[in-house]
Each structure stands twice: as C-alpha cells, then as structure tokens.
Amino acid sequence: ENISDFSLNITDCTQVVVPEEVFFTVAAAGILENLLILIAVVRNKNLHLPMYFFICSLAISDMLGSLYKTLENIFIILCKMGYLTRHGDFEKKLDDAMDSMFILSLLGSIFSLLAIAADRYITIFYALRYHNIMTLRRALVILAIIWAFCAGSSIAIALFSYEAATVIPFTILFPLMMFFILCLYVHMFLLARSHAKKIASLPSSTVHHRTNMKGAITLTIFLGVFLCCWAPFVLHILLARFCPHNPYCACYMSIFHVNGTLIMCNAIINPMIFAFRSPELRSTFKKMFYCSR
C-alpha cells in the first residue's frame, strides 16, 4: 500500500485494478478444476501411478495459489469494511499465514514440475527399468520430502520476508529451478531425436516412443504456461524489495492485480491441458459426469 501511494507521486502510471468479482470467479474455477483432477485420480485405480501422483501434487499447488488469492481478497474487503485493521497483531499473523500459503504454492509448483520432468525423463530413456526405478512407494517418499521442504521453507520465508538474506535466495531459486528443468527438457529432446533414428525400423518401439514424446510435449507446455503466469509476480517481488522508489519499477508494480490474476489463470489452464491431452483422464471425466447424471 505504501509503495502504491508513493508511486503516484513519481510516475504517471495509474494503478490497474481487477474487479473483485473477477478474482473470485477465476479462483473458484481454478479450485474446482484441480479438485476434479484429484477426484479423478483417486477414483480411477488405473491412474494410481507415480506420474499421476506428481500431477496431483501440481494440482494441490495450484489450488493453494487460488485459495491464497481468495483469502487475500476477503481480507482486503474486511479491511475496507472496517472489520479488520491493516496493522494489528492478529492481522499481521493472518497476513504471514497467507504469505506462507503463497510461497508454499510457488515452491510446490516448482518442485512438482521438476518431479514430473524427472519422471518423464526416466520413462523415455529408461523405459525397461522404469517400474524398478520409479516405484509407487518411492514416488510417495519423494512427494513427502518435497512438501516437507516446501512447508518449512514457506514458513521461514514468510516470517523473515523483510530480510534481504531471505528474499534473495527465494527469488534466485525460481530462475535456477526453471533453468534446470529447461536443460533437462533440451537434453531429453536431443536424445530422443537421436534415439528416434535408431528405432525407426521397429514399429512397436516407435509407437511407444511417440507416446512418451507426446507426454514430454505436454509437460513442456506446462512449463511454458507456468513461466508466463508466475514470472511476472516473482519479478514484482524483486522490484518491490530492491527498487520500490524507482519510477520504472513503480510503473510495473501498478499492474500488481493483473499479475495476481495470472497466477490464478495458471490453476485453470493446467487442468484443461491434462483433460485435453490425457486419454485416460478424459475417459475418467466422462464416466464421472455420466454417473452424476
């Protein structure tokens, strides 16, 4: 709020405000879509595989992101109505809890994407040993470690968010993890291209290879969507911490609400990609809708 007020004096950029109705509609749609993914995986035993458990982890992260923005808007509305103050002890604890939820959503999404990328890499290049390498129990252990680390990190970052020593590692983690995942995909596609030439004479292997590559393309789309939706908000955090009084930074920060809407849009787009590109999920959704009718 202080940054927004100060920016009015140093820049001609006006604050872009997204209507609260839009926030709640987009957030509700994201929560419902990802909840549908979770229900589909739970109900269909054929989907009880490591890959779909990692997908569920990503869905939970998206739900947390939508829930965070919903609670934040409710908090702002209550402040405007006078039921809450902006600087009280209770409000500060509530704000820290919401910030922790936001960081948990971001870290959970990053590490879930990393787990999905690693799983796809093993599926493509170690297909014969995949079930020995990535067992269901091992996948659950990986998810437990991921969420334990993300929960601890989110609490620590939220409590010490005003320290530069906390903000810098958090913001550096985002591009580093994205770069690592991108390198993994580039390596995956380069090896897949060379392998495709070797197995061109084997029809069954070619079909299996095309199926795996389709999954890799799907996950590449996820990575691109994730970057487009989360990168503007992470950039906002950096600018708010390191150059809040710069006119150009203040002008960019005037679209804060738009960046928040992009985060919630990510929670809507991901399930749509799964629904359209996964035959097993499409079949499960049809059965669920037919049974409900």
Protein backbone atom coordinates (compact mmCIF):
# COMPACT_ATOMS: atom_id res chain seq x y z
CA GLU A 1 0.00 0.00 0.00
CA ASN A 2 2.82 2.42 0.87
CA ILE A 3 4.61 1.61 -2.38
CA SER A 4 1.40 2.22 -4.35
CA ASP A 5 0.84 5.60 -2.67
CA PHE A 6 4.45 6.66 -3.24
CA SER A 7 4.38 5.56 -6.88
CA LEU A 8 1.55 8.00 -7.61
CA ASN A 9 3.97 10.86 -6.93
CA ILE A 10 6.85 9.61 -9.08
CA THR A 11 5.11 8.09 -12.11
CA ASP A 12 2.16 8.76 -14.35
CA CYS A 13 1.17 5.09 -14.38
CA THR A 14 -2.17 4.54 -12.70
CA GLN A 15 -2.95 1.50 -10.58
CA VAL A 16 -4.64 -1.22 -12.64
CA VAL A 17 -7.46 -2.68 -10.57
CA VAL A 18 -9.09 -6.02 -11.35
CA PRO A 19 -12.70 -6.26 -10.11
CA GLU A 20 -13.15 -8.47 -7.07
CA GLU A 21 -15.81 -10.46 -8.89
CA VAL A 22 -13.21 -11.49 -11.47
CA PHE A 23 -10.81 -12.60 -8.74
CA PHE A 24 -13.40 -14.78 -7.02
CA THR A 25 -14.68 -16.28 -10.27
CA VAL A 26 -11.22 -17.21 -11.56
CA ALA A 27 -10.14 -18.53 -8.15
CA ALA A 28 -13.28 -20.67 -7.76
CA ALA A 29 -12.84 -22.11 -11.25
CA GLY A 30 -9.21 -23.00 -10.53
CA ILE A 31 -10.06 -24.70 -7.24
CA LEU A 32 -12.92 -26.72 -8.77
CA GLU A 33 -10.91 -27.82 -11.82
CA ASN A 34 -7.95 -29.04 -9.78
CA LEU A 35 -10.27 -30.70 -7.28
CA LEU A 36 -11.76 -32.57 -10.25
CA ILE A 37 -8.27 -33.80 -11.19
CA LEU A 38 -7.72 -35.11 -7.65
CA ILE A 39 -11.09 -36.88 -7.56
CA ALA A 40 -10.46 -38.47 -10.97
CA VAL A 41 -7.08 -39.87 -9.90
CA VAL A 42 -8.48 -41.18 -6.61
CA ARG A 43 -11.47 -42.88 -8.24
CA ASN A 44 -9.64 -44.49 -11.18
CA LYS A 45 -7.24 -47.20 -9.99
CA ASN A 46 -5.55 -47.19 -13.40
CA LEU A 47 -4.31 -43.70 -12.56
CA HIS A 48 -2.59 -44.82 -9.36
CA LEU A 49 0.81 -44.33 -10.95
CA PRO A 50 3.79 -42.15 -9.96
CA MET A 51 3.23 -39.75 -12.87
CA TYR A 52 -0.37 -39.03 -11.87
CA PHE A 53 0.61 -38.63 -8.22
CA PHE A 54 3.08 -35.96 -9.29
CA ILE A 55 0.27 -34.39 -11.32
CA CYS A 56 -1.90 -34.39 -8.18
CA SER A 57 0.92 -32.61 -6.35
CA LEU A 58 0.89 -29.90 -9.01
CA ALA A 59 -2.90 -29.67 -8.75
CA ILE A 60 -2.68 -29.17 -4.98
CA SER A 61 -0.14 -26.38 -5.52
CA ASP A 62 -2.49 -24.68 -7.99
CA MET A 63 -5.37 -24.97 -5.54
CA LEU A 64 -3.27 -23.34 -2.82
CA GLY A 65 -2.44 -20.47 -5.17
CA SER A 66 -6.12 -19.85 -5.94
CA LEU A 67 -7.06 -20.20 -2.28
CA TYR A 68 -4.36 -17.69 -1.31
CA LYS A 69 -5.71 -15.01 -3.65
CA THR A 70 -9.27 -15.71 -2.49
CA LEU A 71 -8.37 -15.29 1.19
CA GLU A 72 -6.31 -12.20 0.41
CA ASN A 73 -9.25 -10.53 -1.33
CA ILE A 74 -11.57 -11.43 1.55
CA PHE A 75 -9.01 -9.90 3.93
CA ILE A 76 -8.90 -6.68 1.86
CA ILE A 77 -12.70 -6.48 1.74
CA LEU A 78 -12.96 -6.90 5.52
CA CYS A 79 -10.34 -4.17 5.98
CA LYS A 80 -12.31 -1.80 3.75
CA MET A 81 -15.50 -2.56 5.71
CA GLY A 82 -13.73 -1.80 8.99
CA TYR A 83 -13.92 -5.28 10.49
CA LEU A 84 -10.12 -5.65 10.38
CA THR A 85 -7.24 -3.19 10.64
CA ARG A 86 -4.17 -3.26 8.45
CA HIS A 87 -1.56 -3.09 11.20
CA GLY A 88 -2.98 -5.13 14.10
CA ASP A 89 -1.25 -8.15 15.64
CA PHE A 90 -3.97 -10.57 14.51
CA GLU A 91 -3.97 -9.12 11.01
CA LYS A 92 -0.18 -9.39 10.82
CA LYS A 93 -0.31 -13.07 11.78
CA LEU A 94 -3.08 -13.63 9.25
CA ASP A 95 -1.04 -11.87 6.58
CA ASP A 96 2.01 -14.02 7.39
CA ALA A 97 -0.14 -17.16 7.12
CA MET A 98 -1.41 -16.10 3.69
CA ASP A 99 2.11 -15.21 2.54
CA SER A 100 3.26 -18.64 3.69
CA MET A 101 0.46 -20.22 1.65
CA PHE A 102 1.53 -18.26 -1.42
CA ILE A 103 5.17 -19.30 -1.07
CA LEU A 104 4.10 -22.91 -0.45
CA SER A 105 2.08 -22.79 -3.68
CA LEU A 106 5.00 -21.43 -5.68
CA LEU A 107 7.59 -23.84 -4.26
CA GLY A 108 5.18 -26.76 -4.55
CA SER A 109 4.55 -25.95 -8.22
CA ILE A 110 8.27 -25.67 -8.99
CA PHE A 111 9.26 -28.93 -7.33
CA SER A 112 6.20 -30.76 -8.70
CA LEU A 113 7.18 -29.68 -12.21
CA LEU A 114 10.72 -30.86 -11.51
CA ALA A 115 9.44 -34.26 -10.31
CA ILE A 116 7.20 -34.60 -13.39
CA ALA A 117 10.12 -33.72 -15.68
CA ALA A 118 12.40 -36.28 -13.99
CA ASP A 119 9.65 -38.92 -14.18
CA ARG A 120 9.15 -38.27 -17.89
CA TYR A 121 12.91 -38.42 -18.47
CA ILE A 122 13.11 -41.84 -16.81
CA THR A 123 10.06 -43.03 -18.75
CA ILE A 124 11.60 -42.15 -22.10
CA PHE A 125 15.20 -43.24 -21.64
CA TYR A 126 14.91 -46.00 -19.04
CA ALA A 127 11.60 -47.50 -20.15
CA LEU A 128 12.58 -51.11 -19.43
CA ARG A 129 13.71 -50.28 -15.90
CA TYR A 130 11.14 -47.57 -15.16
CA HIS A 131 8.99 -49.66 -12.80
CA ASN A 132 12.08 -50.64 -10.83
CA ILE A 133 13.44 -47.11 -10.66
CA MET A 134 10.21 -45.19 -10.02
CA THR A 135 8.08 -47.35 -7.75
CA LEU A 136 4.87 -46.09 -6.18
CA ARG A 137 6.44 -46.13 -2.73
CA ARG A 138 9.46 -44.17 -3.94
CA ALA A 139 7.19 -41.61 -5.59
CA LEU A 140 5.28 -41.11 -2.33
CA VAL A 141 8.56 -40.68 -0.42
CA ILE A 142 9.69 -38.07 -2.96
CA LEU A 143 6.41 -36.18 -2.59
CA ALA A 144 6.65 -36.32 1.21
CA ILE A 145 10.17 -34.85 1.09
CA ILE A 146 9.11 -32.16 -1.39
CA TRP A 147 6.14 -30.97 0.66
CA ALA A 148 8.03 -31.13 3.96
CA PHE A 149 10.79 -28.97 2.48
CA CYS A 150 8.30 -26.56 0.87
CA ALA A 151 6.28 -26.22 4.09
CA GLY A 152 9.36 -25.49 6.19
CA SER A 153 10.75 -23.05 3.62
CA SER A 154 7.43 -21.22 3.23
CA ILE A 155 7.12 -20.66 6.99
CA ALA A 156 10.72 -19.47 7.29
CA ILE A 157 10.46 -17.13 4.30
CA ALA A 158 7.13 -15.68 5.48
CA LEU A 159 8.49 -14.96 8.97
CA PHE A 160 11.69 -13.33 7.68
CA SER A 161 10.35 -11.84 4.45
CA TYR A 162 11.67 -8.38 5.33
CA GLU A 163 15.26 -9.57 5.35
CA ALA A 164 17.21 -9.35 2.10
CA ALA A 165 19.02 -12.58 3.01
CA THR A 166 15.64 -14.33 2.80
CA VAL A 167 14.24 -12.65 -0.28
CA ILE A 168 17.33 -13.11 -2.45
CA PRO A 169 17.61 -16.94 -2.16
CA PHE A 170 13.85 -17.27 -2.69
CA THR A 171 13.86 -15.20 -5.87
CA ILE A 172 17.06 -16.83 -7.15
CA LEU A 173 15.55 -20.29 -6.64
CA PHE A 174 12.83 -19.60 -9.21
CA PRO A 175 15.09 -18.94 -12.25
CA LEU A 176 17.58 -21.62 -11.18
CA MET A 177 14.94 -24.34 -10.98
CA MET A 178 13.37 -23.22 -14.24
CA PHE A 179 16.77 -23.27 -15.93
CA PHE A 180 17.46 -26.77 -14.59
CA ILE A 181 14.10 -28.06 -15.84
CA LEU A 182 14.66 -26.39 -19.20
CA CYS A 183 18.09 -28.03 -19.53
CA LEU A 184 16.52 -31.38 -18.67
CA TYR A 185 13.95 -30.96 -21.43
CA VAL A 186 16.52 -29.86 -24.01
CA HIS A 187 18.66 -32.86 -23.14
CA MET A 188 15.57 -35.06 -23.33
CA PHE A 189 14.56 -33.89 -26.79
CA LEU A 190 18.09 -34.08 -28.19
CA LEU A 191 18.50 -37.68 -27.00
CA ALA A 192 15.01 -38.54 -28.18
CA ARG A 193 15.86 -37.24 -31.64
CA SER A 194 18.91 -39.49 -31.89
CA HIS A 195 17.00 -42.47 -30.47
CA ALA A 196 14.21 -41.95 -32.98
CA LYS A 197 16.61 -42.63 -35.84
CA LYS A 198 17.79 -45.86 -34.22
CA ILE A 199 14.32 -47.28 -33.58
CA ALA A 200 12.73 -46.16 -36.84
CA SER A 201 12.72 -49.76 -38.09
CA LEU A 202 10.83 -51.04 -35.02
CA PRO A 203 7.09 -50.22 -35.33
CA SER A 204 6.12 -51.10 -31.76
CA SER A 205 9.03 -49.16 -30.30
CA THR A 206 8.16 -46.22 -32.49
CA VAL A 207 4.60 -46.15 -31.17
CA HIS A 208 5.86 -46.32 -27.58
CA HIS A 209 8.40 -43.61 -28.33
CA ARG A 210 5.74 -41.35 -29.84
CA THR A 211 3.54 -41.84 -26.78
CA ASN A 212 6.36 -40.84 -24.44
CA MET A 213 7.27 -37.85 -26.57
CA LYS A 214 3.64 -36.73 -26.51
CA GLY A 215 3.87 -36.74 -22.73
CA ALA A 216 7.11 -34.74 -22.89
CA ILE A 217 5.46 -32.18 -25.16
CA THR A 218 2.54 -31.90 -22.72
CA LEU A 219 4.92 -31.18 -19.85
CA THR A 220 6.79 -28.65 -21.97
CA ILE A 221 3.50 -26.81 -22.45
CA PHE A 222 3.02 -26.87 -18.67
CA LEU A 223 6.46 -25.35 -18.17
CA GLY A 224 5.74 -22.54 -20.64
CA VAL A 225 2.37 -21.76 -19.06
CA PHE A 226 3.92 -21.80 -15.58
CA LEU A 227 6.62 -19.31 -16.60
CA CYS A 228 4.13 -16.96 -18.25
CA CYS A 229 1.83 -16.98 -15.23
CA TRP A 230 4.30 -16.87 -12.32
CA ALA A 231 7.32 -14.96 -13.66
CA PRO A 232 5.57 -11.51 -13.67
CA PHE A 233 4.63 -11.93 -9.99
CA VAL A 234 8.13 -13.04 -8.99
CA LEU A 235 9.52 -10.02 -10.84
CA HIS A 236 7.11 -7.83 -8.87
CA ILE A 237 8.52 -9.24 -5.61
CA LEU A 238 12.06 -8.41 -6.73
CA LEU A 239 11.20 -4.86 -7.78
CA ALA A 240 9.20 -4.18 -4.61
CA ARG A 241 12.16 -5.27 -2.49
CA PHE A 242 15.08 -3.68 -4.34
CA CYS A 243 13.77 -0.63 -6.26
CA PRO A 244 10.40 0.45 -4.82
CA HIS A 245 11.07 4.15 -5.40
CA ASN A 246 12.24 3.90 -8.99
CA PRO A 247 9.62 5.35 -11.42
CA TYR A 248 10.01 2.46 -13.86
CA CYS A 249 9.70 -0.15 -11.11
CA ALA A 250 6.70 1.67 -9.66
CA CYS A 251 5.08 1.72 -13.09
CA TYR A 252 5.47 -2.04 -13.42
CA MET A 253 4.15 -2.61 -9.91
CA SER A 254 0.97 -0.76 -10.84
CA ILE A 255 -0.20 -3.96 -12.58
CA PHE A 256 0.04 -5.99 -9.36
CA HIS A 257 -3.57 -7.17 -9.62
CA VAL A 258 -3.03 -8.36 -13.19
CA ASN A 259 -0.04 -10.44 -12.09
CA GLY A 260 -2.12 -11.95 -9.31
CA THR A 261 -4.83 -12.86 -11.82
CA LEU A 262 -2.25 -14.61 -13.99
CA ILE A 263 -1.35 -16.90 -11.06
CA MET A 264 -4.96 -17.97 -10.74
CA CYS A 265 -5.24 -18.42 -14.51
CA ASN A 266 -2.39 -20.95 -14.27
CA ALA A 267 -4.59 -23.04 -11.96
CA ILE A 268 -7.32 -23.02 -14.63
CA ILE A 269 -5.11 -23.76 -17.64
CA ASN A 270 -3.23 -26.75 -16.18
CA PRO A 271 -6.28 -29.00 -15.68
CA MET A 272 -7.53 -28.07 -19.15
CA ILE A 273 -4.25 -29.23 -20.67
CA PHE A 274 -4.47 -32.51 -18.78
CA ALA A 275 -8.11 -33.02 -19.75
CA PHE A 276 -7.46 -32.45 -23.45
CA ARG A 277 -4.16 -34.35 -23.79
CA SER A 278 -4.65 -37.34 -21.47
CA PRO A 279 -6.98 -40.04 -22.88
CA GLU A 280 -7.16 -41.79 -19.51
CA LEU A 281 -8.25 -38.63 -17.73
CA ARG A 282 -10.77 -37.82 -20.47
CA SER A 283 -12.27 -41.27 -20.06
CA THR A 284 -12.42 -40.87 -16.29
CA PHE A 285 -14.10 -37.47 -16.56
CA LYS A 286 -16.74 -38.87 -18.92
CA LYS A 287 -17.53 -41.69 -16.51
CA MET A 288 -17.76 -39.27 -13.61
CA PHE A 289 -20.14 -36.95 -15.47
CA TYR A 290 -22.30 -39.81 -16.75
CA CYS A 291 -22.59 -41.26 -13.25
CA SER A 292 -23.55 -37.87 -11.80
CA ARG A 293 -26.28 -37.55 -14.42
